[in-house]
N, C-alpha and C. Protein backbone atom coordinates (compact mmCIF):
# COMPACT_ATOMS: atom_id res chain seq x y z
N MET A 1 1.96 6.08 29.50
CA MET A 1 1.49 5.19 30.56
C MET A 1 2.66 4.32 31.04
N LYS A 2 3.03 4.46 32.31
CA LYS A 2 4.17 3.74 32.86
C LYS A 2 3.80 2.41 33.51
N ASN A 3 2.53 2.12 33.59
CA ASN A 3 2.08 0.94 34.32
C ASN A 3 2.64 -0.35 33.71
N ARG A 4 3.45 -1.05 34.49
CA ARG A 4 4.11 -2.26 33.99
C ARG A 4 3.11 -3.36 33.65
N THR A 5 2.10 -3.52 34.47
CA THR A 5 1.10 -4.57 34.24
C THR A 5 0.36 -4.34 32.92
N ALA A 6 -0.04 -3.10 32.68
CA ALA A 6 -0.73 -2.77 31.43
C ALA A 6 0.18 -3.05 30.23
N GLN A 7 1.45 -2.71 30.37
CA GLN A 7 2.40 -2.95 29.29
C GLN A 7 2.57 -4.44 29.02
N LEU A 8 2.70 -5.21 30.08
CA LEU A 8 2.87 -6.66 29.92
C LEU A 8 1.67 -7.29 29.23
N ILE A 9 0.48 -6.89 29.63
CA ILE A 9 -0.74 -7.44 29.03
C ILE A 9 -0.81 -7.07 27.55
N TYR A 10 -0.58 -5.79 27.25
CA TYR A 10 -0.68 -5.32 25.87
C TYR A 10 0.35 -6.00 24.98
N GLN A 11 1.60 -6.04 25.45
CA GLN A 11 2.68 -6.65 24.67
C GLN A 11 2.46 -8.15 24.47
N SER A 12 1.94 -8.81 25.48
CA SER A 12 1.68 -10.25 25.38
C SER A 12 0.57 -10.54 24.38
N VAL A 13 -0.49 -9.73 24.42
CA VAL A 13 -1.59 -9.91 23.46
C VAL A 13 -1.09 -9.67 22.04
N TYR A 14 -0.29 -8.62 21.86
CA TYR A 14 0.25 -8.34 20.53
C TYR A 14 1.09 -9.53 20.04
N CYS A 15 1.98 -10.02 20.88
CA CYS A 15 2.86 -11.12 20.47
C CYS A 15 2.05 -12.38 20.15
N ALA A 16 0.98 -12.61 20.90
CA ALA A 16 0.13 -13.77 20.62
C ALA A 16 -0.54 -13.63 19.25
N PHE A 17 -1.08 -12.45 18.97
CA PHE A 17 -1.69 -12.20 17.66
C PHE A 17 -0.64 -12.30 16.55
N ALA A 18 0.56 -11.73 16.79
CA ALA A 18 1.61 -11.76 15.79
C ALA A 18 2.04 -13.19 15.48
N LEU A 19 2.13 -14.02 16.51
CA LEU A 19 2.51 -15.42 16.29
C LEU A 19 1.46 -16.12 15.44
N ILE A 20 0.19 -15.84 15.70
CA ILE A 20 -0.88 -16.40 14.87
C ILE A 20 -0.73 -15.93 13.43
N GLY A 21 -0.41 -14.64 13.25
CA GLY A 21 -0.21 -14.10 11.91
C GLY A 21 0.96 -14.74 11.19
N VAL A 22 2.06 -14.95 11.90
CA VAL A 22 3.24 -15.59 11.29
C VAL A 22 2.90 -17.01 10.85
N ILE A 23 2.22 -17.74 11.72
CA ILE A 23 1.82 -19.12 11.37
C ILE A 23 0.91 -19.10 10.15
N GLY A 24 -0.02 -18.15 10.12
CA GLY A 24 -0.92 -18.05 8.97
C GLY A 24 -0.22 -17.64 7.71
N SER A 25 0.83 -16.82 7.82
CA SER A 25 1.52 -16.30 6.64
C SER A 25 2.26 -17.38 5.85
N VAL A 26 2.53 -18.51 6.48
CA VAL A 26 3.18 -19.62 5.76
C VAL A 26 2.17 -20.68 5.35
N GLY A 27 0.88 -20.36 5.46
CA GLY A 27 -0.17 -21.22 4.92
C GLY A 27 -0.76 -22.24 5.85
N PHE A 28 -0.48 -22.14 7.16
CA PHE A 28 -0.94 -23.17 8.10
C PHE A 28 -2.46 -23.29 8.11
N PHE A 29 -3.17 -22.17 8.12
CA PHE A 29 -4.63 -22.20 8.23
C PHE A 29 -5.31 -22.63 6.92
N LYS A 30 -4.55 -22.65 5.85
CA LYS A 30 -5.09 -23.11 4.56
C LYS A 30 -4.67 -24.54 4.29
N TYR A 31 -3.95 -25.14 5.25
CA TYR A 31 -3.46 -26.51 5.13
C TYR A 31 -2.61 -26.69 3.88
N GLN A 32 -1.89 -25.62 3.53
CA GLN A 32 -1.02 -25.66 2.35
C GLN A 32 0.13 -24.68 2.56
N PHE A 33 1.36 -25.16 2.44
CA PHE A 33 2.52 -24.31 2.69
C PHE A 33 2.60 -23.19 1.65
N THR A 34 2.61 -21.95 2.13
CA THR A 34 2.72 -20.78 1.26
C THR A 34 4.20 -20.45 1.10
N TRP A 35 4.83 -21.02 0.09
CA TRP A 35 6.28 -20.97 -0.04
C TRP A 35 6.83 -19.59 -0.42
N ASP A 36 5.97 -18.69 -0.86
CA ASP A 36 6.45 -17.38 -1.31
C ASP A 36 6.28 -16.30 -0.24
N PHE A 37 6.10 -16.69 1.01
CA PHE A 37 5.86 -15.74 2.09
C PHE A 37 7.01 -14.74 2.26
N TYR A 38 8.21 -15.12 1.86
CA TYR A 38 9.41 -14.32 2.12
C TYR A 38 9.53 -13.07 1.26
N ILE A 39 8.73 -12.95 0.21
CA ILE A 39 8.91 -11.87 -0.75
C ILE A 39 8.03 -10.65 -0.47
N TYR A 40 7.05 -10.77 0.38
CA TYR A 40 6.08 -9.69 0.58
C TYR A 40 6.49 -8.73 1.70
N PHE A 41 6.39 -7.44 1.40
CA PHE A 41 6.74 -6.41 2.38
C PHE A 41 5.86 -6.52 3.62
N THR A 42 4.61 -6.90 3.43
CA THR A 42 3.70 -7.09 4.56
C THR A 42 4.30 -8.05 5.58
N ASN A 43 4.77 -9.19 5.11
CA ASN A 43 5.32 -10.18 6.01
C ASN A 43 6.63 -9.72 6.64
N ILE A 44 7.51 -9.15 5.83
CA ILE A 44 8.80 -8.71 6.33
C ILE A 44 8.63 -7.65 7.41
N SER A 45 7.78 -6.66 7.15
CA SER A 45 7.57 -5.59 8.14
C SER A 45 6.87 -6.13 9.39
N SER A 46 5.95 -7.08 9.21
CA SER A 46 5.24 -7.65 10.36
C SER A 46 6.16 -8.50 11.21
N TYR A 47 7.06 -9.27 10.57
CA TYR A 47 8.02 -10.06 11.33
C TYR A 47 8.94 -9.14 12.13
N LEU A 48 9.35 -8.02 11.52
CA LEU A 48 10.21 -7.07 12.21
C LEU A 48 9.50 -6.48 13.43
N CYS A 49 8.23 -6.10 13.25
CA CYS A 49 7.45 -5.57 14.37
C CYS A 49 7.30 -6.59 15.48
N PHE A 50 7.12 -7.84 15.12
CA PHE A 50 7.01 -8.92 16.10
C PHE A 50 8.30 -9.01 16.92
N ALA A 51 9.45 -8.93 16.24
CA ALA A 51 10.74 -9.00 16.93
C ALA A 51 10.91 -7.83 17.89
N VAL A 52 10.52 -6.63 17.45
CA VAL A 52 10.64 -5.45 18.30
C VAL A 52 9.74 -5.57 19.52
N MET A 53 8.51 -6.05 19.32
CA MET A 53 7.59 -6.19 20.44
C MET A 53 8.07 -7.26 21.42
N LEU A 54 8.71 -8.30 20.92
CA LEU A 54 9.28 -9.30 21.81
C LEU A 54 10.38 -8.68 22.68
N ALA A 55 11.19 -7.82 22.05
CA ALA A 55 12.23 -7.12 22.81
C ALA A 55 11.61 -6.25 23.90
N GLU A 56 10.50 -5.59 23.56
CA GLU A 56 9.78 -4.78 24.55
C GLU A 56 9.27 -5.66 25.70
N LEU A 57 8.68 -6.78 25.33
CA LEU A 57 8.11 -7.68 26.34
C LEU A 57 9.19 -8.20 27.28
N PHE A 58 10.35 -8.57 26.74
CA PHE A 58 11.44 -9.06 27.57
C PHE A 58 11.94 -7.95 28.50
N GLN A 59 12.03 -6.73 27.97
CA GLN A 59 12.48 -5.62 28.79
C GLN A 59 11.50 -5.33 29.93
N THR A 60 10.22 -5.32 29.60
CA THR A 60 9.20 -5.05 30.60
C THR A 60 9.14 -6.15 31.66
N ALA A 61 9.27 -7.40 31.22
CA ALA A 61 9.22 -8.52 32.16
C ALA A 61 10.44 -8.52 33.08
N LYS A 62 11.56 -8.03 32.58
CA LYS A 62 12.80 -8.04 33.36
C LYS A 62 12.80 -7.01 34.49
N ARG A 63 12.24 -5.82 34.22
CA ARG A 63 12.23 -4.80 35.26
C ARG A 63 11.05 -5.02 36.22
N ARG A 64 11.12 -4.38 37.39
CA ARG A 64 10.10 -4.56 38.41
C ARG A 64 9.33 -3.27 38.71
N ASP A 65 9.80 -2.16 38.17
CA ASP A 65 9.16 -0.89 38.47
C ASP A 65 8.30 -0.42 37.29
N ASN A 66 7.49 0.58 37.52
CA ASN A 66 6.69 1.20 36.47
C ASN A 66 7.56 2.24 35.74
N ALA A 67 7.62 2.14 34.44
CA ALA A 67 8.44 3.07 33.65
C ALA A 67 7.99 3.01 32.21
N TYR A 68 8.40 4.00 31.43
CA TYR A 68 8.10 3.98 30.00
C TYR A 68 8.94 2.91 29.31
N VAL A 69 8.43 2.37 28.23
CA VAL A 69 9.17 1.40 27.42
C VAL A 69 10.25 2.16 26.65
N SER A 70 11.45 1.59 26.60
CA SER A 70 12.55 2.27 25.91
C SER A 70 13.37 1.33 25.03
N ALA A 71 12.86 0.13 24.75
CA ALA A 71 13.60 -0.86 23.99
C ALA A 71 13.70 -0.46 22.51
N CYS A 72 14.91 -0.55 21.96
CA CYS A 72 15.16 -0.37 20.51
C CYS A 72 14.42 0.83 19.93
N PRO A 73 14.65 2.05 20.42
CA PRO A 73 13.86 3.20 19.96
C PRO A 73 13.94 3.46 18.45
N LYS A 74 15.14 3.36 17.88
CA LYS A 74 15.28 3.62 16.44
C LYS A 74 14.59 2.54 15.63
N LEU A 75 14.79 1.28 16.01
CA LEU A 75 14.16 0.17 15.30
C LEU A 75 12.66 0.19 15.48
N LYS A 76 12.19 0.61 16.65
CA LYS A 76 10.76 0.75 16.90
C LYS A 76 10.16 1.76 15.92
N TYR A 77 10.85 2.88 15.76
CA TYR A 77 10.37 3.95 14.89
C TYR A 77 10.34 3.47 13.43
N ILE A 78 11.42 2.84 12.99
CA ILE A 78 11.50 2.35 11.60
C ILE A 78 10.42 1.32 11.33
N SER A 79 10.27 0.36 12.23
CA SER A 79 9.28 -0.70 12.03
C SER A 79 7.86 -0.15 12.11
N MET A 80 7.66 0.89 12.92
CA MET A 80 6.34 1.51 13.02
C MET A 80 5.95 2.15 11.69
N LEU A 81 6.90 2.87 11.07
CA LEU A 81 6.61 3.46 9.77
C LEU A 81 6.39 2.38 8.71
N GLY A 82 7.14 1.29 8.83
CA GLY A 82 6.97 0.19 7.88
C GLY A 82 5.61 -0.45 7.97
N THR A 83 5.14 -0.70 9.19
CA THR A 83 3.82 -1.33 9.34
C THR A 83 2.71 -0.35 8.98
N LEU A 84 2.95 0.95 9.20
CA LEU A 84 1.96 1.95 8.78
C LEU A 84 1.87 1.99 7.26
N LEU A 85 3.01 1.88 6.58
CA LEU A 85 3.01 1.81 5.11
C LEU A 85 2.24 0.59 4.64
N THR A 86 2.45 -0.52 5.31
CA THR A 86 1.70 -1.75 5.00
C THR A 86 0.20 -1.52 5.13
N PHE A 87 -0.20 -0.92 6.23
CA PHE A 87 -1.62 -0.64 6.50
C PHE A 87 -2.21 0.24 5.41
N MET A 88 -1.53 1.32 5.06
CA MET A 88 -2.08 2.29 4.11
C MET A 88 -2.12 1.73 2.69
N VAL A 89 -1.01 1.13 2.25
CA VAL A 89 -0.95 0.62 0.88
C VAL A 89 -1.97 -0.49 0.66
N PHE A 90 -2.08 -1.38 1.63
CA PHE A 90 -3.03 -2.48 1.46
C PHE A 90 -4.46 -1.99 1.42
N ASN A 91 -4.85 -1.20 2.41
CA ASN A 91 -6.24 -0.81 2.53
C ASN A 91 -6.68 0.20 1.47
N ILE A 92 -5.74 0.98 0.94
CA ILE A 92 -6.10 1.98 -0.06
C ILE A 92 -5.92 1.46 -1.48
N MET A 93 -4.84 0.70 -1.72
CA MET A 93 -4.48 0.35 -3.09
C MET A 93 -4.69 -1.12 -3.44
N ILE A 94 -4.48 -2.01 -2.49
CA ILE A 94 -4.47 -3.44 -2.82
C ILE A 94 -5.78 -4.13 -2.49
N ALA A 95 -6.36 -3.82 -1.34
CA ALA A 95 -7.59 -4.50 -0.90
C ALA A 95 -8.71 -4.44 -1.93
N PRO A 96 -8.94 -3.29 -2.62
CA PRO A 96 -10.03 -3.25 -3.59
C PRO A 96 -9.86 -4.24 -4.75
N GLN A 97 -8.63 -4.73 -4.96
CA GLN A 97 -8.38 -5.67 -6.06
C GLN A 97 -8.42 -7.13 -5.63
N GLN A 98 -8.58 -7.36 -4.31
CA GLN A 98 -8.53 -8.72 -3.79
C GLN A 98 -9.92 -9.31 -3.63
N THR A 99 -9.97 -10.64 -3.53
CA THR A 99 -11.23 -11.34 -3.32
C THR A 99 -11.62 -11.27 -1.85
N PRO A 100 -12.91 -11.37 -1.55
CA PRO A 100 -13.35 -11.36 -0.13
C PRO A 100 -12.70 -12.47 0.67
N GLN A 101 -12.45 -13.63 0.04
CA GLN A 101 -11.83 -14.74 0.76
C GLN A 101 -10.43 -14.39 1.22
N PHE A 102 -9.70 -13.63 0.42
CA PHE A 102 -8.35 -13.23 0.78
C PHE A 102 -8.37 -12.22 1.92
N ILE A 103 -9.26 -11.26 1.84
CA ILE A 103 -9.30 -10.17 2.81
C ILE A 103 -9.70 -10.64 4.20
N VAL A 104 -10.59 -11.64 4.27
CA VAL A 104 -11.08 -12.09 5.58
C VAL A 104 -10.20 -13.17 6.19
N ALA A 105 -9.12 -13.56 5.51
CA ALA A 105 -8.21 -14.55 6.09
C ALA A 105 -7.61 -14.02 7.38
N VAL A 106 -7.40 -14.87 8.35
CA VAL A 106 -6.93 -14.46 9.67
C VAL A 106 -5.63 -13.68 9.57
N GLU A 107 -4.65 -14.21 8.84
CA GLU A 107 -3.36 -13.55 8.74
C GLU A 107 -3.46 -12.21 8.02
N CYS A 108 -4.39 -12.10 7.08
CA CYS A 108 -4.58 -10.84 6.36
C CYS A 108 -5.14 -9.77 7.29
N ILE A 109 -6.15 -10.11 8.05
CA ILE A 109 -6.74 -9.16 9.00
C ILE A 109 -5.71 -8.73 10.05
N LEU A 110 -4.94 -9.69 10.55
CA LEU A 110 -3.96 -9.38 11.59
C LEU A 110 -2.83 -8.50 11.05
N PHE A 111 -2.22 -8.91 9.94
CA PHE A 111 -1.05 -8.20 9.42
C PHE A 111 -1.38 -6.86 8.77
N HIS A 112 -2.58 -6.74 8.23
CA HIS A 112 -2.91 -5.51 7.50
C HIS A 112 -3.73 -4.52 8.30
N MET A 113 -4.35 -4.97 9.37
CA MET A 113 -5.23 -4.06 10.12
C MET A 113 -4.97 -4.07 11.62
N VAL A 114 -5.16 -5.20 12.26
CA VAL A 114 -5.11 -5.26 13.73
C VAL A 114 -3.72 -4.93 14.26
N LEU A 115 -2.70 -5.65 13.79
CA LEU A 115 -1.35 -5.48 14.34
C LEU A 115 -0.72 -4.12 14.03
N PRO A 116 -0.88 -3.57 12.81
CA PRO A 116 -0.34 -2.22 12.58
C PRO A 116 -0.92 -1.19 13.54
N ILE A 117 -2.24 -1.24 13.75
CA ILE A 117 -2.87 -0.29 14.68
C ILE A 117 -2.36 -0.51 16.10
N MET A 118 -2.28 -1.76 16.53
CA MET A 118 -1.80 -2.05 17.88
C MET A 118 -0.36 -1.60 18.07
N PHE A 119 0.46 -1.78 17.05
CA PHE A 119 1.88 -1.41 17.16
C PHE A 119 2.05 0.10 17.31
N ILE A 120 1.26 0.86 16.55
CA ILE A 120 1.33 2.32 16.64
C ILE A 120 0.77 2.81 17.96
N VAL A 121 -0.34 2.22 18.41
CA VAL A 121 -0.93 2.59 19.70
C VAL A 121 0.06 2.32 20.83
N ASP A 122 0.79 1.21 20.73
CA ASP A 122 1.81 0.89 21.73
C ASP A 122 2.84 2.00 21.82
N TRP A 123 3.26 2.54 20.69
CA TRP A 123 4.25 3.63 20.67
C TRP A 123 3.66 4.88 21.32
N PHE A 124 2.42 5.19 21.02
CA PHE A 124 1.77 6.36 21.61
C PHE A 124 1.64 6.23 23.13
N LEU A 125 1.18 5.07 23.60
CA LEU A 125 0.83 4.91 25.00
C LEU A 125 2.01 4.65 25.92
N PHE A 126 2.90 3.76 25.50
CA PHE A 126 3.87 3.21 26.44
C PHE A 126 5.32 3.64 26.23
N TYR A 127 5.63 4.18 25.06
CA TYR A 127 7.04 4.47 24.77
C TYR A 127 7.51 5.77 25.39
N GLU A 128 8.79 5.80 25.70
CA GLU A 128 9.43 7.02 26.17
C GLU A 128 9.63 7.95 24.98
N HIS A 129 9.03 9.12 25.03
CA HIS A 129 9.09 10.03 23.89
C HIS A 129 10.19 11.08 24.06
N GLY A 130 10.48 11.74 22.94
CA GLY A 130 11.58 12.69 22.93
C GLY A 130 12.87 12.06 22.46
N LYS A 131 12.81 10.79 22.05
CA LYS A 131 14.00 10.06 21.62
C LYS A 131 14.17 10.06 20.10
N VAL A 132 13.11 10.44 19.37
CA VAL A 132 13.18 10.44 17.91
C VAL A 132 13.99 11.65 17.44
N LYS A 133 15.04 11.40 16.67
CA LYS A 133 15.88 12.47 16.14
C LYS A 133 15.39 12.87 14.75
N TRP A 134 15.77 14.08 14.34
CA TRP A 134 15.27 14.59 13.05
C TRP A 134 15.78 13.77 11.88
N THR A 135 16.86 13.00 12.09
CA THR A 135 17.41 12.16 11.02
C THR A 135 16.66 10.84 10.86
N TYR A 136 15.85 10.47 11.85
CA TYR A 136 15.18 9.17 11.80
C TYR A 136 14.30 8.98 10.56
N PRO A 137 13.49 9.97 10.15
CA PRO A 137 12.67 9.76 8.95
C PRO A 137 13.51 9.47 7.71
N LEU A 138 14.66 10.13 7.59
CA LEU A 138 15.53 9.90 6.44
C LEU A 138 16.19 8.52 6.53
N ILE A 139 16.64 8.18 7.74
CA ILE A 139 17.24 6.85 7.92
C ILE A 139 16.21 5.75 7.69
N SER A 140 14.98 6.00 8.13
CA SER A 140 13.91 5.00 7.98
C SER A 140 13.59 4.72 6.52
N ALA A 141 13.83 5.72 5.65
CA ALA A 141 13.55 5.52 4.22
C ALA A 141 14.39 4.42 3.61
N ALA A 142 15.49 4.06 4.32
CA ALA A 142 16.32 2.97 3.83
C ALA A 142 15.57 1.64 3.84
N PHE A 143 14.59 1.51 4.73
CA PHE A 143 13.83 0.26 4.84
C PHE A 143 13.11 -0.08 3.53
N PRO A 144 12.23 0.80 3.02
CA PRO A 144 11.58 0.48 1.74
C PRO A 144 12.55 0.43 0.57
N LEU A 145 13.62 1.24 0.62
CA LEU A 145 14.61 1.21 -0.47
C LEU A 145 15.34 -0.13 -0.51
N ILE A 146 15.71 -0.62 0.67
CA ILE A 146 16.36 -1.93 0.74
C ILE A 146 15.41 -3.01 0.24
N TYR A 147 14.13 -2.86 0.57
CA TYR A 147 13.15 -3.85 0.09
C TYR A 147 13.08 -3.82 -1.43
N CYS A 148 13.08 -2.63 -2.03
CA CYS A 148 13.06 -2.53 -3.50
C CYS A 148 14.28 -3.23 -4.10
N GLY A 149 15.45 -3.01 -3.48
CA GLY A 149 16.65 -3.69 -3.95
C GLY A 149 16.55 -5.20 -3.80
N TYR A 150 15.95 -5.62 -2.70
CA TYR A 150 15.74 -7.05 -2.44
C TYR A 150 14.86 -7.68 -3.51
N VAL A 151 13.78 -6.99 -3.87
CA VAL A 151 12.88 -7.50 -4.91
C VAL A 151 13.61 -7.59 -6.24
N LEU A 152 14.43 -6.58 -6.54
CA LEU A 152 15.18 -6.56 -7.81
C LEU A 152 16.19 -7.70 -7.85
N ILE A 153 16.92 -7.92 -6.76
CA ILE A 153 17.89 -9.01 -6.71
C ILE A 153 17.18 -10.36 -6.82
N HIS A 154 16.05 -10.48 -6.15
CA HIS A 154 15.25 -11.71 -6.21
C HIS A 154 14.80 -11.99 -7.63
N ALA A 155 14.35 -10.94 -8.33
CA ALA A 155 13.92 -11.10 -9.72
C ALA A 155 15.09 -11.51 -10.62
N ALA A 156 16.27 -10.92 -10.35
CA ALA A 156 17.45 -11.26 -11.15
C ALA A 156 17.86 -12.71 -10.94
N ILE A 157 17.78 -13.17 -9.71
CA ILE A 157 18.13 -14.56 -9.41
C ILE A 157 17.21 -15.51 -10.17
N LEU A 158 15.94 -15.11 -10.32
CA LEU A 158 14.98 -15.94 -11.04
C LEU A 158 14.98 -15.64 -12.54
N GLY A 159 15.98 -14.87 -12.99
CA GLY A 159 16.12 -14.58 -14.41
C GLY A 159 15.01 -13.71 -14.96
N PHE A 160 14.39 -12.91 -14.11
CA PHE A 160 13.28 -12.04 -14.50
C PHE A 160 12.19 -12.84 -15.24
N ASP A 161 11.99 -14.06 -14.77
CA ASP A 161 11.03 -14.97 -15.39
C ASP A 161 9.64 -14.73 -14.80
N SER A 162 8.78 -14.05 -15.55
CA SER A 162 7.44 -13.74 -15.07
C SER A 162 6.47 -14.90 -15.21
N SER A 163 6.97 -16.02 -15.75
CA SER A 163 6.09 -17.20 -15.88
C SER A 163 5.99 -17.96 -14.55
N ILE A 164 6.90 -17.66 -13.62
CA ILE A 164 6.84 -18.28 -12.29
C ILE A 164 5.84 -17.48 -11.46
N VAL A 165 4.72 -18.09 -11.13
CA VAL A 165 3.67 -17.35 -10.43
C VAL A 165 3.73 -17.61 -8.93
N ASN A 166 3.05 -16.76 -8.17
CA ASN A 166 3.03 -16.89 -6.72
C ASN A 166 2.22 -18.11 -6.29
N SER A 167 2.16 -18.34 -5.00
CA SER A 167 1.54 -19.58 -4.49
C SER A 167 0.06 -19.68 -4.77
N ILE A 168 -0.61 -18.54 -4.98
CA ILE A 168 -2.04 -18.60 -5.27
C ILE A 168 -2.33 -18.50 -6.77
N GLY A 169 -1.26 -18.40 -7.56
CA GLY A 169 -1.38 -18.45 -9.01
C GLY A 169 -2.00 -17.24 -9.67
N THR A 170 -1.89 -16.07 -9.05
CA THR A 170 -2.53 -14.87 -9.61
C THR A 170 -1.56 -13.88 -10.24
N ASP A 171 -0.32 -13.84 -9.77
CA ASP A 171 0.65 -12.85 -10.25
C ASP A 171 2.04 -13.47 -10.36
N PRO A 172 2.90 -12.87 -11.20
CA PRO A 172 4.28 -13.35 -11.27
C PRO A 172 4.98 -13.20 -9.92
N LEU A 173 5.76 -14.18 -9.53
CA LEU A 173 6.44 -14.16 -8.24
C LEU A 173 7.40 -12.99 -8.13
N ILE A 174 8.03 -12.62 -9.23
CA ILE A 174 9.05 -11.56 -9.18
C ILE A 174 8.44 -10.18 -9.05
N TYR A 175 7.11 -10.05 -9.18
CA TYR A 175 6.43 -8.78 -9.00
C TYR A 175 5.40 -8.92 -7.87
N PRO A 176 5.84 -8.85 -6.62
CA PRO A 176 4.94 -9.12 -5.49
C PRO A 176 3.77 -8.15 -5.38
N TYR A 177 3.91 -6.95 -5.98
CA TYR A 177 2.82 -5.96 -5.96
C TYR A 177 2.68 -5.36 -7.35
N PHE A 178 1.47 -4.93 -7.68
CA PHE A 178 1.20 -4.47 -9.04
C PHE A 178 2.08 -3.30 -9.44
N PHE A 179 2.47 -2.45 -8.47
CA PHE A 179 3.28 -1.28 -8.82
C PHE A 179 4.75 -1.63 -9.04
N PHE A 180 5.10 -2.91 -8.88
CA PHE A 180 6.43 -3.40 -9.25
C PHE A 180 6.41 -4.10 -10.61
N ASN A 181 5.24 -4.24 -11.19
CA ASN A 181 5.08 -5.03 -12.41
C ASN A 181 5.12 -4.12 -13.65
N PRO A 182 6.20 -4.16 -14.42
CA PRO A 182 6.28 -3.30 -15.61
C PRO A 182 5.26 -3.66 -16.68
N GLU A 183 4.74 -4.89 -16.62
CA GLU A 183 3.73 -5.31 -17.59
C GLU A 183 2.39 -4.62 -17.32
N LYS A 184 2.22 -4.10 -16.11
CA LYS A 184 0.98 -3.41 -15.74
C LYS A 184 1.14 -1.89 -15.71
N VAL A 185 2.26 -1.42 -15.16
CA VAL A 185 2.41 0.03 -14.99
C VAL A 185 3.58 0.61 -15.78
N GLY A 186 4.39 -0.26 -16.40
CA GLY A 186 5.56 0.23 -17.14
C GLY A 186 6.69 0.58 -16.19
N TYR A 187 7.91 0.72 -16.74
CA TYR A 187 9.05 1.04 -15.90
C TYR A 187 8.95 2.45 -15.34
N GLY A 188 8.39 3.36 -16.13
CA GLY A 188 8.16 4.71 -15.64
C GLY A 188 7.17 4.71 -14.49
N GLY A 189 6.16 3.85 -14.60
CA GLY A 189 5.16 3.74 -13.54
C GLY A 189 5.77 3.20 -12.25
N ILE A 190 6.69 2.23 -12.40
CA ILE A 190 7.37 1.69 -11.22
C ILE A 190 8.15 2.79 -10.51
N ALA A 191 8.92 3.57 -11.30
CA ALA A 191 9.70 4.67 -10.73
C ALA A 191 8.79 5.69 -10.04
N MET A 192 7.66 5.97 -10.67
CA MET A 192 6.72 6.94 -10.11
C MET A 192 6.16 6.44 -8.77
N TRP A 193 5.73 5.18 -8.74
CA TRP A 193 5.14 4.64 -7.52
C TRP A 193 6.16 4.55 -6.38
N VAL A 194 7.38 4.14 -6.72
CA VAL A 194 8.42 4.06 -5.70
C VAL A 194 8.70 5.45 -5.13
N ALA A 195 8.77 6.46 -6.01
CA ALA A 195 9.02 7.83 -5.56
C ALA A 195 7.88 8.34 -4.68
N ILE A 196 6.65 8.05 -5.08
CA ILE A 196 5.48 8.50 -4.31
C ILE A 196 5.47 7.85 -2.92
N LEU A 197 5.67 6.55 -2.88
CA LEU A 197 5.63 5.83 -1.61
C LEU A 197 6.79 6.24 -0.71
N LEU A 198 7.96 6.48 -1.32
CA LEU A 198 9.12 6.89 -0.53
C LEU A 198 8.90 8.29 0.05
N ALA A 199 8.35 9.18 -0.77
CA ALA A 199 8.07 10.54 -0.29
C ALA A 199 7.03 10.50 0.83
N ALA A 200 5.99 9.69 0.66
CA ALA A 200 4.97 9.56 1.69
C ALA A 200 5.57 9.01 2.97
N PHE A 201 6.48 8.07 2.84
CA PHE A 201 7.14 7.45 3.98
C PHE A 201 7.91 8.50 4.79
N ILE A 202 8.63 9.37 4.08
CA ILE A 202 9.44 10.40 4.75
C ILE A 202 8.54 11.46 5.38
N VAL A 203 7.51 11.88 4.65
CA VAL A 203 6.60 12.90 5.18
C VAL A 203 5.91 12.40 6.45
N ILE A 204 5.40 11.19 6.40
CA ILE A 204 4.75 10.61 7.58
C ILE A 204 5.75 10.47 8.72
N GLY A 205 6.99 10.14 8.36
CA GLY A 205 8.04 10.04 9.37
C GLY A 205 8.24 11.35 10.11
N TYR A 206 8.21 12.47 9.40
CA TYR A 206 8.38 13.76 10.05
C TYR A 206 7.13 14.17 10.84
N LEU A 207 5.97 13.70 10.40
CA LEU A 207 4.77 13.95 11.19
C LEU A 207 4.88 13.25 12.55
N PHE A 208 5.36 12.01 12.54
CA PHE A 208 5.55 11.29 13.80
C PHE A 208 6.68 11.91 14.63
N PHE A 209 7.66 12.49 13.96
CA PHE A 209 8.72 13.21 14.67
C PHE A 209 8.12 14.37 15.46
N GLY A 210 7.21 15.09 14.81
CA GLY A 210 6.54 16.20 15.48
C GLY A 210 5.66 15.72 16.62
N VAL A 211 4.94 14.62 16.39
CA VAL A 211 4.09 14.05 17.45
C VAL A 211 4.95 13.61 18.62
N ASP A 212 6.10 13.04 18.34
CA ASP A 212 7.00 12.59 19.41
C ASP A 212 7.43 13.77 20.29
N ARG A 213 7.70 14.91 19.67
CA ARG A 213 8.10 16.10 20.43
C ARG A 213 6.95 16.58 21.33
N LEU A 214 5.74 16.56 20.80
CA LEU A 214 4.59 16.98 21.59
C LEU A 214 4.32 16.04 22.75
N LEU A 215 4.44 14.74 22.50
CA LEU A 215 4.22 13.76 23.55
C LEU A 215 5.32 13.83 24.62
N CYS A 216 6.52 14.20 24.20
CA CYS A 216 7.62 14.35 25.15
C CYS A 216 7.31 15.48 26.13
N LYS A 217 6.81 16.59 25.61
CA LYS A 217 6.45 17.72 26.49
C LYS A 217 5.34 17.33 27.44
N LYS A 218 4.39 16.52 26.94
CA LYS A 218 3.28 16.09 27.79
C LYS A 218 3.77 15.17 28.88
N GLN A 219 4.72 14.26 28.55
CA GLN A 219 5.25 13.34 29.54
C GLN A 219 5.99 14.10 30.65
N LYS A 220 6.72 15.17 30.29
CA LYS A 220 7.50 15.92 31.27
C LYS A 220 6.61 16.68 32.25
N ARG A 221 5.37 16.97 31.82
CA ARG A 221 4.44 17.66 32.70
C ARG A 221 3.94 16.70 33.79
């Protein structure tokens, strides 16, 4: 869809929702600063998607003609896979372990459900296709790998002290997700989960690579 007006409306709505999610992620709606917001992949991937969508919005607002969105194609692809991973892991693995109060929080609904779907739909509807290269899924795998390294460095800085708990007091701060916690899954379990999630990330990346090729042919028609 090349319609500039439709793109502006969609991108503006997304950015408005994302801003609400960012404000909520630091505890504004709970009237308490959530100081550990920086450690969660959900927040990091959502902030990245917000930045990419802002770039799209600026590009769309700057031009005057109807055209496909083409801002930051590689970063768009990487962030799309990241937010899709967020959506899948939360709704399949994490949500069943959470309280209803946590799940219905505004920032939780936005970051785990609404915004990931909107971000992917934006790529389907408005983006210029045929730009995804076969190397993108492999390059994109660096995103979760870098996050794993980030969590490890963060844990080392805190001396691997599991007595420091997160802002809601339920889990050690150095283990933001249960599959990073050796006390729950063991070190072998951590390696297994990282390998599974990384493999899923790459496989899904190639599925979107194939979809991009199909959509490119459709656009050329």
